[in-house]
Amino acid sequence: MHVNKKLRRGFSMEVEGVLLNRPDLHNIAAELGINTGDVLTKNKILTIYNTSQT
């Protein structure tokens, strides 16, 4: 772990049957009121961090 990195907390879930692209992730972030960089997807895993300062 890097010395100056903050621990990010959030949750992950597996999603199947849905193709999430960048605009979808931006919409999810907007609806949750968090930064777009706090919504990620990789290998059918959707991760949402709740570290945004809004």
Protein backbone atom coordinates (compact mmCIF):
# COMPACT_ATOMS: atom_id res chain seq x y z
CA MET A 1 0.00 0.00 0.00
CA HIS A 2 1.24 3.47 -0.83
CA VAL A 3 2.00 5.75 2.09
CA ASN A 4 -0.08 8.71 0.87
CA LYS A 5 -3.09 6.67 -0.28
CA LYS A 6 -6.33 6.84 1.68
CA LEU A 7 -8.26 3.65 2.29
CA ARG A 8 -11.34 3.62 0.09
CA ARG A 9 -14.50 2.03 1.42
CA GLY A 10 -17.46 0.88 -0.57
CA PHE A 11 -19.16 -2.22 -1.85
CA SER A 12 -19.03 -4.53 -4.84
CA MET A 13 -21.57 -6.72 -6.56
CA GLU A 14 -21.53 -9.10 -9.49
CA VAL A 15 -23.75 -8.03 -12.37
CA GLU A 16 -24.85 -10.37 -15.14
CA GLY A 17 -26.89 -9.74 -18.26
CA VAL A 18 -26.15 -6.00 -18.27
CA LEU A 19 -23.46 -4.22 -20.24
CA LEU A 20 -22.39 -1.11 -18.33
CA ASN A 21 -20.46 1.48 -20.31
CA ARG A 22 -18.98 4.83 -19.31
CA PRO A 23 -22.19 6.88 -19.68
CA ASP A 24 -24.00 4.33 -17.51
CA LEU A 25 -21.35 4.67 -14.80
CA HIS A 26 -21.61 8.47 -14.98
CA ASN A 27 -25.40 8.22 -14.58
CA ILE A 28 -25.05 5.91 -11.58
CA ALA A 29 -22.60 8.34 -9.96
CA ALA A 30 -24.89 11.31 -10.63
CA GLU A 31 -27.89 9.54 -9.12
CA LEU A 32 -25.88 8.61 -6.02
CA GLY A 33 -24.32 12.07 -5.75
CA ILE A 34 -20.74 10.80 -5.87
CA ASN A 35 -17.73 11.40 -8.12
CA THR A 36 -17.62 9.50 -11.39
CA GLY A 37 -14.25 8.00 -10.40
CA ASP A 38 -15.95 6.22 -7.49
CA VAL A 39 -17.98 3.94 -9.77
CA LEU A 40 -15.99 1.19 -11.47
CA THR A 41 -16.71 -2.00 -13.36
CA LYS A 42 -14.38 -4.84 -14.31
CA ASN A 43 -14.99 -8.52 -15.10
CA LYS A 44 -18.74 -8.30 -14.30
CA ILE A 45 -18.00 -6.72 -10.89
CA LEU A 46 -19.53 -3.31 -10.16
CA THR A 47 -17.73 -1.42 -7.38
CA ILE A 48 -19.04 1.75 -5.79
CA TYR A 49 -16.86 3.66 -3.35
CA ASN A 50 -18.41 6.01 -0.83
CA THR A 51 -15.39 8.24 -0.30
CA SER A 52 -16.59 11.21 -2.37
CA GLN A 53 -16.75 14.57 -0.66
CA THR A 54 -19.91 16.19 -2.01
